[in-house]
Amino acid sequence: MEGGGYHRLRILSYNIQSGVDTQRYRQYVTQSWKHLLPHRERLQNLNRIAPVLGQYDLVGLQEVDSGSLRSGFVDQTEYLAHRAGFPFWYKQINRSLGKIAKYSNGLLTRRTPTFVSEHKLPGLPGRGAIYAQFGSADDMLLVCIVHLALGRRSRMRQVEYIAERVGRYPNAIVMGDLNCGVGSEEIEYLLDRGGLQRPVCEKGTFPSWRPMKKLDHILVSKALQVENPRVVDCSTSDHLPIGIDVLVPSEIDIAV
């Protein structure tokens, strides 16, 4: 949807917990086997998620499985891309347990990226970031998809790494499960050093059955306009997805 000297980019970030539908805290124990073994509801859950993703132009996924025993050897990023009608997708495997599990980030996009790269984040192995560039070198949008660590010390090292890169670009978006709240030191560092706007969505995303914590964020550069921040009603995970509309200047070629 174009107009007024900008492109409207509908963006969603979702930690899908590899297709595991958690609805109570106790299920982390009683259904822990689902994180390592196949179960028939997993594909059904992905089929419920796909129509939600299909309403967006660009989607960042966290806790995706890239084709292992627990997912029935289904590459979930590719499966959701096909199911939701995305022509471009990219996966980043951050932690592999061989044939048992492949923990990944994922990118789905209707816009043609000019370059996609993956980076290992500082700290213990298992955390990474996908960087996708849209447009030319002179007029470019940088999108960073991340899933940050649980520990605060590791998260700080990771946001320092991300902010150093993102801060070089006037038009950037950082999105994902950041595992920290709006007023945290990590978010403040990203805003200050990365040149990003303060989050505008007031609703929580975790846990999905009683969303009290704001752990999932989409942060955009101060040069970009944001409209319609929202938490989406899709509880097929222990997180809820978060979405926004970003108005990208028309001189940035984010071609379909």
C-alpha atoms as a PDB file:
ATOM      1  CA  MET A   1       0.000   0.000   0.000  1.00  0.00           C
ATOM      2  CA  GLU A   2       1.678   3.195  -1.193  1.00  0.00           C
ATOM      3  CA  GLY A   3       0.975   6.921  -1.019  1.00  0.00           C
ATOM      4  CA  GLY A   4       1.997  10.293   0.397  1.00  0.00           C
ATOM      5  CA  GLY A   5       5.685   9.855  -0.363  1.00  0.00           C
ATOM      6  CA  TYR A   6       6.087   6.617   1.579  1.00  0.00           C
ATOM      7  CA  HIS A   7       5.654   2.861   1.433  1.00  0.00           C
ATOM      8  CA  ARG A   8       3.479   1.299   4.123  1.00  0.00           C
ATOM      9  CA  LEU A   9       5.181  -1.809   5.485  1.00  0.00           C
ATOM     10  CA  ARG A  10       3.095  -4.076   7.712  1.00  0.00           C
ATOM     11  CA  ILE A  11       5.470  -5.826  10.119  1.00  0.00           C
ATOM     12  CA  LEU A  12       4.963  -8.681  12.603  1.00  0.00           C
ATOM     13  CA  SER A  13       7.265 -10.329  15.136  1.00  0.00           C
ATOM     14  CA  TYR A  14       6.334 -13.696  16.660  1.00  0.00           C
ATOM     15  CA  ASN A  15       8.036 -16.213  18.928  1.00  0.00           C
ATOM     16  CA  ILE A  16       6.153 -19.341  17.826  1.00  0.00           C
ATOM     17  CA  GLN A  17       7.778 -21.747  20.345  1.00  0.00           C
ATOM     18  CA  SER A  18       8.308 -24.226  17.465  1.00  0.00           C
ATOM     19  CA  GLY A  19       4.560 -24.785  17.178  1.00  0.00           C
ATOM     20  CA  VAL A  20       3.990 -25.764  20.826  1.00  0.00           C
ATOM     21  CA  ASP A  21       0.708 -24.375  22.166  1.00  0.00           C
ATOM     22  CA  THR A  22       1.307 -23.569  25.865  1.00  0.00           C
ATOM     23  CA  GLN A  23      -1.714 -22.345  27.836  1.00  0.00           C
ATOM     24  CA  ARG A  24      -0.628 -22.774  31.474  1.00  0.00           C
ATOM     25  CA  TYR A  25       2.645 -22.500  33.394  1.00  0.00           C
ATOM     26  CA  ARG A  26       2.373 -26.117  34.498  1.00  0.00           C
ATOM     27  CA  GLN A  27       2.459 -27.219  30.859  1.00  0.00           C
ATOM     28  CA  TYR A  28       6.135 -26.235  30.700  1.00  0.00           C
ATOM     29  CA  VAL A  29       6.607 -29.375  32.853  1.00  0.00           C
ATOM     30  CA  THR A  30       3.739 -31.653  31.823  1.00  0.00           C
ATOM     31  CA  GLN A  31       4.255 -31.009  28.098  1.00  0.00           C
ATOM     32  CA  SER A  32       8.028 -30.520  28.086  1.00  0.00           C
ATOM     33  CA  TRP A  33       8.400 -33.607  25.878  1.00  0.00           C
ATOM     34  CA  LYS A  34       6.804 -31.668  23.003  1.00  0.00           C
ATOM     35  CA  HIS A  35       9.944 -29.529  22.742  1.00  0.00           C
ATOM     36  CA  LEU A  36      12.029 -32.585  21.823  1.00  0.00           C
ATOM     37  CA  LEU A  37       9.608 -35.123  20.322  1.00  0.00           C
ATOM     38  CA  PRO A  38       7.107 -34.916  17.443  1.00  0.00           C
ATOM     39  CA  HIS A  39       3.402 -34.467  18.147  1.00  0.00           C
ATOM     40  CA  ARG A  40       0.499 -34.247  15.733  1.00  0.00           C
ATOM     41  CA  GLU A  41      -0.789 -30.886  16.993  1.00  0.00           C
ATOM     42  CA  ARG A  42       2.409 -29.080  15.941  1.00  0.00           C
ATOM     43  CA  LEU A  43       1.519 -28.928  12.238  1.00  0.00           C
ATOM     44  CA  GLN A  44      -2.064 -27.984  13.100  1.00  0.00           C
ATOM     45  CA  ASN A  45      -0.715 -25.079  15.159  1.00  0.00           C
ATOM     46  CA  LEU A  46       1.444 -23.909  12.244  1.00  0.00           C
ATOM     47  CA  ASN A  47      -1.642 -24.009  10.027  1.00  0.00           C
ATOM     48  CA  ARG A  48      -3.410 -21.751  12.531  1.00  0.00           C
ATOM     49  CA  ILE A  49      -0.468 -19.332  12.602  1.00  0.00           C
ATOM     50  CA  ALA A  50      -0.047 -19.053   8.809  1.00  0.00           C
ATOM     51  CA  PRO A  51      -3.222 -16.989   8.079  1.00  0.00           C
ATOM     52  CA  VAL A  52      -2.136 -14.450  10.706  1.00  0.00           C
ATOM     53  CA  LEU A  53       1.319 -14.111   9.139  1.00  0.00           C
ATOM     54  CA  GLY A  54      -0.245 -13.820   5.696  1.00  0.00           C
ATOM     55  CA  GLN A  55      -1.717 -10.416   6.559  1.00  0.00           C
ATOM     56  CA  TYR A  56       1.770  -8.851   6.767  1.00  0.00           C
ATOM     57  CA  ASP A  57       4.538  -7.750   4.404  1.00  0.00           C
ATOM     58  CA  LEU A  58       7.476  -8.748   6.606  1.00  0.00           C
ATOM     59  CA  VAL A  59       7.577 -11.218   9.495  1.00  0.00           C
ATOM     60  CA  GLY A  60      10.337 -11.987  11.981  1.00  0.00           C
ATOM     61  CA  LEU A  61      10.074 -15.395  13.683  1.00  0.00           C
ATOM     62  CA  GLN A  62      11.825 -16.684  16.770  1.00  0.00           C
ATOM     63  CA  GLU A  63      12.005 -20.225  18.202  1.00  0.00           C
ATOM     64  CA  VAL A  64      11.431 -21.817  14.807  1.00  0.00           C
ATOM     65  CA  ASP A  65      12.591 -25.370  14.107  1.00  0.00           C
ATOM     66  CA  SER A  66      14.550 -25.832  10.885  1.00  0.00           C
ATOM     67  CA  GLY A  67      13.724 -29.479  10.223  1.00  0.00           C
ATOM     68  CA  SER A  68      14.406 -32.054  12.931  1.00  0.00           C
ATOM     69  CA  LEU A  69      12.775 -35.000  14.673  1.00  0.00           C
ATOM     70  CA  ARG A  70      10.554 -32.851  16.884  1.00  0.00           C
ATOM     71  CA  SER A  71       9.076 -31.002  13.893  1.00  0.00           C
ATOM     72  CA  GLY A  72       8.667 -34.129  11.791  1.00  0.00           C
ATOM     73  CA  PHE A  73      11.659 -32.888   9.766  1.00  0.00           C
ATOM     74  CA  VAL A  74       9.600 -29.912   8.563  1.00  0.00           C
ATOM     75  CA  ASP A  75      11.538 -26.679   8.029  1.00  0.00           C
ATOM     76  CA  GLN A  76       8.994 -24.454   9.780  1.00  0.00           C
ATOM     77  CA  THR A  77      10.201 -21.184   8.241  1.00  0.00           C
ATOM     78  CA  GLU A  78       9.842 -22.576   4.733  1.00  0.00           C
ATOM     79  CA  TYR A  79       6.534 -24.268   5.582  1.00  0.00           C
ATOM     80  CA  LEU A  80       5.009 -21.043   6.933  1.00  0.00           C
ATOM     81  CA  ALA A  81       6.350 -19.062   3.976  1.00  0.00           C
ATOM     82  CA  HIS A  82       4.601 -21.373   1.517  1.00  0.00           C
ATOM     83  CA  ARG A  83       1.446 -21.636   3.602  1.00  0.00           C
ATOM     84  CA  ALA A  84       1.160 -17.840   4.047  1.00  0.00           C
ATOM     85  CA  GLY A  85       2.195 -16.988   0.469  1.00  0.00           C
ATOM     86  CA  PHE A  86       5.587 -15.330   1.067  1.00  0.00           C
ATOM     87  CA  PRO A  87       7.936 -15.448  -1.948  1.00  0.00           C
ATOM     88  CA  PHE A  88      11.111 -14.907   0.125  1.00  0.00           C
ATOM     89  CA  TRP A  89      12.251 -16.534   3.354  1.00  0.00           C
ATOM     90  CA  TYR A  90      15.459 -17.072   5.272  1.00  0.00           C
ATOM     91  CA  LYS A  91      16.342 -19.200   8.296  1.00  0.00           C
ATOM     92  CA  GLN A  92      19.201 -18.909  10.773  1.00  0.00           C
ATOM     93  CA  ILE A  93      20.041 -22.000  12.834  1.00  0.00           C
ATOM     94  CA  ASN A  94      21.441 -20.822  16.163  1.00  0.00           C
ATOM     95  CA  ARG A  95      21.496 -24.053  18.172  1.00  0.00           C
ATOM     96  CA  SER A  96      21.494 -27.537  16.682  1.00  0.00           C
ATOM     97  CA  LEU A  97      20.912 -30.714  18.671  1.00  0.00           C
ATOM     98  CA  GLY A  98      21.563 -32.850  15.618  1.00  0.00           C
ATOM     99  CA  LYS A  99      18.446 -34.639  14.406  1.00  0.00           C
ATOM    100  CA  ILE A 100      16.514 -33.864  17.606  1.00  0.00           C
ATOM    101  CA  ALA A 101      16.064 -30.058  17.381  1.00  0.00           C
ATOM    102  CA  LYS A 102      17.292 -27.070  15.378  1.00  0.00           C
ATOM    103  CA  TYR A 103      16.523 -23.789  17.151  1.00  0.00           C
ATOM    104  CA  SER A 104      16.304 -20.939  14.640  1.00  0.00           C
ATOM    105  CA  ASN A 105      15.237 -17.418  13.733  1.00  0.00           C
ATOM    106  CA  GLY A 106      13.243 -16.863  10.557  1.00  0.00           C
ATOM    107  CA  LEU A 107      12.471 -14.101   8.071  1.00  0.00           C
ATOM    108  CA  LEU A 108       9.434 -14.033   5.768  1.00  0.00           C
ATOM    109  CA  THR A 109       9.024 -11.142   3.322  1.00  0.00           C
ATOM    110  CA  ARG A 110       6.957 -10.073   0.336  1.00  0.00           C
ATOM    111  CA  ARG A 111       9.505  -7.374  -0.485  1.00  0.00           C
ATOM    112  CA  THR A 112      12.695  -8.335  -2.290  1.00  0.00           C
ATOM    113  CA  PRO A 113      15.764  -8.075  -0.028  1.00  0.00           C
ATOM    114  CA  THR A 114      18.952  -6.830  -1.646  1.00  0.00           C
ATOM    115  CA  PHE A 115      21.081  -8.690   0.892  1.00  0.00           C
ATOM    116  CA  VAL A 116      20.527 -11.031   3.859  1.00  0.00           C
ATOM    117  CA  SER A 117      23.207 -12.025   6.363  1.00  0.00           C
ATOM    118  CA  GLU A 118      23.344 -13.804   9.699  1.00  0.00           C
ATOM    119  CA  HIS A 119      25.455 -13.003  12.736  1.00  0.00           C
ATOM    120  CA  LYS A 120      26.254 -14.899  15.917  1.00  0.00           C
ATOM    121  CA  LEU A 121      25.628 -12.756  18.981  1.00  0.00           C
ATOM    122  CA  PRO A 122      28.104 -12.420  21.881  1.00  0.00           C
ATOM    123  CA  GLY A 123      27.709 -14.656  24.912  1.00  0.00           C
ATOM    124  CA  LEU A 124      27.040 -18.354  25.140  1.00  0.00           C
ATOM    125  CA  PRO A 125      26.426 -20.144  21.816  1.00  0.00           C
ATOM    126  CA  GLY A 126      22.841 -20.317  20.591  1.00  0.00           C
ATOM    127  CA  ARG A 127      21.802 -16.701  19.947  1.00  0.00           C
ATOM    128  CA  GLY A 128      21.921 -14.921  16.606  1.00  0.00           C
ATOM    129  CA  ALA A 129      20.574 -12.106  14.453  1.00  0.00           C
ATOM    130  CA  ILE A 130      19.340 -11.947  10.873  1.00  0.00           C
ATOM    131  CA  TYR A 131      20.111  -8.703   9.031  1.00  0.00           C
ATOM    132  CA  ALA A 132      18.061  -8.008   5.904  1.00  0.00           C
ATOM    133  CA  GLN A 133      18.721  -5.007   3.674  1.00  0.00           C
ATOM    134  CA  PHE A 134      16.115  -3.475   1.374  1.00  0.00           C
ATOM    135  CA  GLY A 135      16.916  -0.853  -1.254  1.00  0.00           C
ATOM    136  CA  SER A 136      20.220   0.516  -2.547  1.00  0.00           C
ATOM    137  CA  ALA A 137      23.357   1.310  -0.567  1.00  0.00           C
ATOM    138  CA  ASP A 138      22.538   5.046  -0.590  1.00  0.00           C
ATOM    139  CA  ASP A 139      18.864   4.666   0.411  1.00  0.00           C
ATOM    140  CA  MET A 140      18.450   1.505   2.434  1.00  0.00           C
ATOM    141  CA  LEU A 141      16.256  -0.014   5.119  1.00  0.00           C
ATOM    142  CA  LEU A 142      17.990  -2.402   7.530  1.00  0.00           C
ATOM    143  CA  VAL A 143      15.856  -4.986   9.365  1.00  0.00           C
ATOM    144  CA  CYS A 144      17.340  -6.950  12.278  1.00  0.00           C
ATOM    145  CA  ILE A 145      15.557 -10.032  13.682  1.00  0.00           C
ATOM    146  CA  VAL A 146      16.830 -11.271  17.054  1.00  0.00           C
ATOM    147  CA  HIS A 147      16.082 -13.494  20.028  1.00  0.00           C
ATOM    148  CA  LEU A 148      18.110 -12.256  22.981  1.00  0.00           C
ATOM    149  CA  ALA A 149      19.473 -14.262  25.916  1.00  0.00           C
ATOM    150  CA  LEU A 150      17.664 -14.913  29.193  1.00  0.00           C
ATOM    151  CA  GLY A 151      20.500 -13.532  31.347  1.00  0.00           C
ATOM    152  CA  ARG A 152      20.852  -9.751  31.690  1.00  0.00           C
ATOM    153  CA  ARG A 153      24.652  -9.700  31.387  1.00  0.00           C
ATOM    154  CA  SER A 154      24.537 -11.625  28.111  1.00  0.00           C
ATOM    155  CA  ARG A 155      21.676  -9.457  26.829  1.00  0.00           C
ATOM    156  CA  MET A 156      23.683  -6.298  27.465  1.00  0.00           C
ATOM    157  CA  ARG A 157      26.595  -7.628  25.427  1.00  0.00           C
ATOM    158  CA  GLN A 158      24.176  -8.551  22.657  1.00  0.00           C
ATOM    159  CA  VAL A 159      22.412  -5.166  22.532  1.00  0.00           C
ATOM    160  CA  GLU A 160      25.808  -3.435  22.472  1.00  0.00           C
ATOM    161  CA  TYR A 161      26.688  -5.496  19.399  1.00  0.00           C
ATOM    162  CA  ILE A 162      23.334  -4.800  17.714  1.00  0.00           C
ATOM    163  CA  ALA A 163      23.246  -1.077  18.519  1.00  0.00           C
ATOM    164  CA  GLU A 164      26.753  -0.547  17.139  1.00  0.00           C
ATOM    165  CA  ARG A 165      25.651  -1.864  13.741  1.00  0.00           C
ATOM    166  CA  VAL A 166      22.103  -0.501  13.656  1.00  0.00           C
ATOM    167  CA  GLY A 167      23.250   2.950  14.723  1.00  0.00           C
ATOM    168  CA  ARG A 168      25.084   3.373  11.413  1.00  0.00           C
ATOM    169  CA  TYR A 169      21.830   3.393   9.438  1.00  0.00           C
ATOM    170  CA  PRO A 170      19.234   6.204   9.430  1.00  0.00           C
ATOM    171  CA  ASN A 171      16.450   3.752   8.561  1.00  0.00           C
ATOM    172  CA  ALA A 172      16.497   0.600  10.673  1.00  0.00           C
ATOM    173  CA  ILE A 173      14.140  -1.789  12.437  1.00  0.00           C
ATOM    174  CA  VAL A 174      15.048  -4.137  15.313  1.00  0.00           C
ATOM    175  CA  MET A 175      12.450  -6.773  16.091  1.00  0.00           C
ATOM    176  CA  GLY A 176      12.087  -9.947  18.100  1.00  0.00           C
ATOM    177  CA  ASP A 177      11.831 -11.549  21.506  1.00  0.00           C
ATOM    178  CA  LEU A 178      14.208  -9.319  23.465  1.00  0.00           C
ATOM    179  CA  ASN A 179      13.486 -11.005  26.828  1.00  0.00           C
ATOM    180  CA  CYS A 180      13.383  -7.639  28.613  1.00  0.00           C
ATOM    181  CA  GLY A 181      10.807  -4.964  29.364  1.00  0.00           C
ATOM    182  CA  VAL A 182      10.305  -1.435  28.072  1.00  0.00           C
ATOM    183  CA  GLY A 183      12.086   0.289  30.956  1.00  0.00           C
ATOM    184  CA  SER A 184      15.067  -2.066  31.059  1.00  0.00           C
ATOM    185  CA  GLU A 185      18.687  -0.995  30.734  1.00  0.00           C
ATOM    186  CA  GLU A 186      18.961  -3.077  27.556  1.00  0.00           C
ATOM    187  CA  ILE A 187      16.097  -1.274  25.812  1.00  0.00           C
ATOM    188  CA  GLU A 188      17.402   2.117  26.923  1.00  0.00           C
ATOM    189  CA  TYR A 189      20.814   1.282  25.474  1.00  0.00           C
ATOM    190  CA  LEU A 190      19.275   0.243  22.132  1.00  0.00           C
ATOM    191  CA  LEU A 191      17.238   3.448  21.971  1.00  0.00           C
ATOM    192  CA  ASP A 192      20.190   5.679  22.810  1.00  0.00           C
ATOM    193  CA  ARG A 193      23.015   4.053  20.837  1.00  0.00           C
ATOM    194  CA  GLY A 194      20.895   2.627  18.034  1.00  0.00           C
ATOM    195  CA  GLY A 195      18.969   5.849  17.358  1.00  0.00           C
ATOM    196  CA  LEU A 196      15.644   4.070  17.820  1.00  0.00           C
ATOM    197  CA  GLN A 197      12.243   5.301  18.977  1.00  0.00           C
ATOM    198  CA  ARG A 198      10.732   4.320  22.302  1.00  0.00           C
ATOM    199  CA  PRO A 199       8.234   1.424  21.954  1.00  0.00           C
ATOM    200  CA  VAL A 200       4.671   2.642  21.563  1.00  0.00           C
ATOM    201  CA  CYS A 201       2.702  -0.570  22.137  1.00  0.00           C
ATOM    202  CA  GLU A 202       1.250  -0.624  25.648  1.00  0.00           C
ATOM    203  CA  LYS A 203       0.111  -4.265  25.813  1.00  0.00           C
ATOM    204  CA  GLY A 204       1.983  -7.296  27.090  1.00  0.00           C
ATOM    205  CA  THR A 205       2.957 -10.302  25.002  1.00  0.00           C
ATOM    206  CA  PHE A 206       3.942 -12.922  27.605  1.00  0.00           C
ATOM    207  CA  PRO A 207       2.583 -15.288  28.754  1.00  0.00           C
ATOM    208  CA  SER A 208       0.002 -15.618  26.001  1.00  0.00           C
ATOM    209  CA  TRP A 209      -2.778 -16.757  28.368  1.00  0.00           C
ATOM    210  CA  ARG A 210      -2.218 -13.804  30.736  1.00  0.00           C
ATOM    211  CA  PRO A 211       0.026 -11.296  28.905  1.00  0.00           C
ATOM    212  CA  MET A 212       1.568  -9.142  31.615  1.00  0.00           C
ATOM    213  CA  LYS A 213       5.175  -8.778  30.389  1.00  0.00           C
ATOM    214  CA  LYS A 214       6.310  -6.779  27.346  1.00  0.00           C
ATOM    215  CA  LEU A 215       9.131  -9.004  26.101  1.00  0.00           C
ATOM    216  CA  ASP A 216       8.533  -8.755  22.349  1.00  0.00           C
ATOM    217  CA  HIS A 217       9.343  -5.486  20.600  1.00  0.00           C
ATOM    218  CA  ILE A 218       9.581  -3.792  17.225  1.00  0.00           C
ATOM    219  CA  LEU A 219      11.903  -0.787  17.506  1.00  0.00           C
ATOM    220  CA  VAL A 220      12.330   1.611  14.573  1.00  0.00           C
ATOM    221  CA  SER A 221      14.635   4.514  13.752  1.00  0.00           C
ATOM    222  CA  LYS A 222      13.542   8.006  14.690  1.00  0.00           C
ATOM    223  CA  ALA A 223      13.389   8.951  10.988  1.00  0.00           C
ATOM    224  CA  LEU A 224      10.587   6.442  10.360  1.00  0.00           C
ATOM    225  CA  GLN A 225       6.915   6.904  11.145  1.00  0.00           C
ATOM    226  CA  VAL A 226       4.954   4.259  13.047  1.00  0.00           C
ATOM    227  CA  GLU A 227       1.212   3.607  12.969  1.00  0.00           C
ATOM    228  CA  ASN A 228      -1.187   1.048  14.457  1.00  0.00           C
ATOM    229  CA  PRO A 229       1.000  -0.666  17.092  1.00  0.00           C
ATOM    230  CA  ARG A 230      -0.805  -3.775  18.262  1.00  0.00           C
ATOM    231  CA  VAL A 231      -0.567  -7.112  20.006  1.00  0.00           C
ATOM    232  CA  VAL A 232      -2.291  -9.711  17.855  1.00  0.00           C
ATOM    233  CA  ASP A 233      -4.788 -12.218  19.233  1.00  0.00           C
ATOM    234  CA  CYS A 234      -3.039 -15.455  18.245  1.00  0.00           C
ATOM    235  CA  SER A 235      -2.309 -17.615  21.285  1.00  0.00           C
ATOM    236  CA  THR A 236      -0.682 -20.586  19.510  1.00  0.00           C
ATOM    237  CA  SER A 237       2.515 -20.210  21.557  1.00  0.00           C
ATOM    238  CA  ASP A 238       3.540 -18.933  24.976  1.00  0.00           C
ATOM    239  CA  HIS A 239       4.046 -15.492  23.363  1.00  0.00           C
ATOM    240  CA  LEU A 240       1.616 -13.269  21.475  1.00  0.00           C
ATOM    241  CA  PRO A 241       2.729 -11.690  18.190  1.00  0.00           C
ATOM    242  CA  ILE A 242       3.300  -7.942  17.981  1.00  0.00           C
ATOM    243  CA  GLY A 243       2.648  -5.876  14.866  1.00  0.00           C
ATOM    244  CA  ILE A 244       3.083  -2.314  13.569  1.00  0.00           C
ATOM    245  CA  ASP A 245       2.818  -0.361  10.338  1.00  0.00           C
ATOM    246  CA  VAL A 246       6.037   1.433   9.364  1.00  0.00           C
ATOM    247  CA  LEU A 247       5.955   4.283   6.824  1.00  0.00           C
ATOM    248  CA  VAL A 248       9.157   3.974   4.813  1.00  0.00           C
ATOM    249  CA  PRO A 249      10.245   6.981   2.644  1.00  0.00           C
ATOM    250  CA  SER A 250       9.420   6.356  -1.009  1.00  0.00           C
ATOM    251  CA  GLU A 251      13.037   6.948  -2.102  1.00  0.00           C
ATOM    252  CA  ILE A 252      13.914   3.621  -0.436  1.00  0.00           C
ATOM    253  CA  ASP A 253      13.192   0.978  -3.049  1.00  0.00           C
ATOM    254  CA  ILE A 254      11.452  -1.826  -1.164  1.00  0.00           C
ATOM    255  CA  ALA A 255      10.262  -3.531  -4.352  1.00  0.00           C
ATOM    256  CA  VAL A 256       7.667  -6.265  -4.366  1.00  0.00           C
END
